[in-house]
Amino acid sequence: MTTITKIARNLRTQLGAPGLKTKRACDLRDILIAIRESQRAKSRVRVYSDAGFVPNSYRYKCLIQFVEGVKTDDGWQFYTGWTGAQRSGGNGSLLVVQ
């Protein structure tokens, strides 16, 4: 089993349920994008769910899931998390590479 497969299988268990309107979950594709983009990143990569962000005027609390990879002395460490999905005008980058 390759390293990419091991990482993807480990993170897959942490993914949220698809289809929730106020909780926008990532999928396996987002995990693979994060792993691929880590090859060109210097210190950090974060991929948000494809469902996207909502405008600040959205009436309800809305969360978006992300997959983040951080470069450490031992190599890349990947994990998932949740954050607020509200952005100005609903605009924001779904991929952050640093």
Protein backbone atom coordinates (compact mmCIF):
# COMPACT_ATOMS: atom_id res chain seq x y z
CA MET A 1 0.00 0.00 0.00
CA THR A 2 1.42 3.38 -0.96
CA THR A 3 1.80 6.32 1.37
CA ILE A 4 -0.93 8.25 -0.46
CA THR A 5 -3.37 5.36 0.02
CA LYS A 6 -2.54 5.12 3.73
CA ILE A 7 -3.10 8.86 4.24
CA ALA A 8 -6.36 8.81 2.26
CA ARG A 9 -7.73 5.80 4.18
CA ASN A 10 -6.85 7.37 7.52
CA LEU A 11 -8.49 10.72 6.69
CA ARG A 12 -11.53 9.15 5.04
CA THR A 13 -12.88 8.10 8.43
CA GLN A 14 -12.84 11.74 9.56
CA LEU A 15 -14.97 13.08 6.69
CA GLY A 16 -18.38 14.52 7.48
CA ALA A 17 -21.69 13.31 6.07
CA PRO A 18 -22.36 14.57 2.53
CA GLY A 19 -25.44 16.56 1.65
CA LEU A 20 -25.90 18.68 4.75
CA LYS A 21 -26.66 22.29 3.84
CA THR A 22 -25.28 23.88 7.00
CA LYS A 23 -22.29 21.52 7.29
CA ARG A 24 -20.35 21.33 4.03
CA ALA A 25 -18.23 18.19 4.18
CA CYS A 26 -15.12 17.24 2.21
CA ASP A 27 -14.84 14.08 0.16
CA LEU A 28 -12.07 11.73 -0.95
CA ARG A 29 -11.26 13.98 -3.91
CA ASP A 30 -10.39 16.86 -1.55
CA ILE A 31 -7.99 14.60 0.35
CA LEU A 32 -6.21 13.62 -2.86
CA ILE A 33 -5.96 17.27 -3.94
CA ALA A 34 -4.34 18.17 -0.60
CA ILE A 35 -1.80 15.38 -0.94
CA ARG A 36 -0.99 16.33 -4.55
CA GLU A 37 -0.62 20.04 -3.77
CA SER A 38 1.70 19.31 -0.82
CA GLN A 39 4.39 18.44 -3.37
CA ARG A 40 4.64 22.09 -4.43
CA ALA A 41 3.89 23.70 -1.05
CA LYS A 42 6.64 24.93 1.26
CA SER A 43 4.94 24.68 4.64
CA ARG A 44 1.14 24.27 4.49
CA VAL A 45 -1.74 23.33 2.24
CA ARG A 46 -5.47 23.58 2.99
CA VAL A 47 -8.34 22.39 0.81
CA TYR A 48 -11.91 23.40 1.65
CA SER A 49 -15.02 21.45 0.64
CA ASP A 50 -16.20 21.89 -2.96
CA ALA A 51 -19.58 23.04 -1.63
CA GLY A 52 -17.99 26.48 -1.17
CA PHE A 53 -18.58 29.40 1.12
CA VAL A 54 -21.73 31.35 1.96
CA PRO A 55 -22.15 35.16 2.18
CA ASN A 56 -22.03 36.91 5.54
CA SER A 57 -25.73 37.69 5.16
CA TYR A 58 -26.56 33.96 5.45
CA ARG A 59 -28.99 33.70 8.37
CA TYR A 60 -27.84 30.45 9.93
CA LYS A 61 -24.57 29.10 11.24
CA CYS A 62 -22.81 27.26 8.43
CA LEU A 63 -19.65 25.17 8.77
CA ILE A 64 -17.23 24.00 6.09
CA GLN A 65 -14.80 21.12 6.42
CA PHE A 66 -11.18 21.35 5.35
CA VAL A 67 -8.24 19.01 4.84
CA GLU A 68 -4.95 20.52 5.95
CA GLY A 69 -1.39 19.34 5.54
CA VAL A 70 1.47 20.84 7.56
CA LYS A 71 5.13 20.16 6.92
CA THR A 72 6.99 18.97 10.02
CA ASP A 73 10.46 17.58 10.65
CA ASP A 74 9.03 14.07 10.16
CA GLY A 75 7.35 14.91 6.85
CA TRP A 76 3.81 15.96 6.05
CA GLN A 77 1.04 15.59 8.64
CA PHE A 78 -2.56 15.66 7.33
CA TYR A 79 -5.76 16.19 9.30
CA THR A 80 -9.30 17.49 8.88
CA GLY A 81 -11.21 20.18 10.71
CA TRP A 82 -14.28 22.42 10.60
CA THR A 83 -14.48 26.21 10.37
CA GLY A 84 -17.08 28.87 9.64
CA ALA A 85 -18.19 28.98 6.00
CA GLN A 86 -19.24 32.64 5.95
CA ARG A 87 -17.07 34.95 3.84
CA SER A 88 -17.57 38.41 2.42
CA GLY A 89 -19.84 37.99 -0.59
CA GLY A 90 -19.44 34.23 -0.29
CA ASN A 91 -16.06 34.51 -2.02
CA GLY A 92 -12.97 32.68 -0.90
CA SER A 93 -10.27 30.41 -2.21
CA LEU A 94 -11.01 26.70 -1.79
CA LEU A 95 -7.28 25.90 -2.07
CA VAL A 96 -4.57 27.57 0.01
CA VAL A 97 -0.94 26.66 -0.72
CA GLN A 98 1.85 28.26 1.30
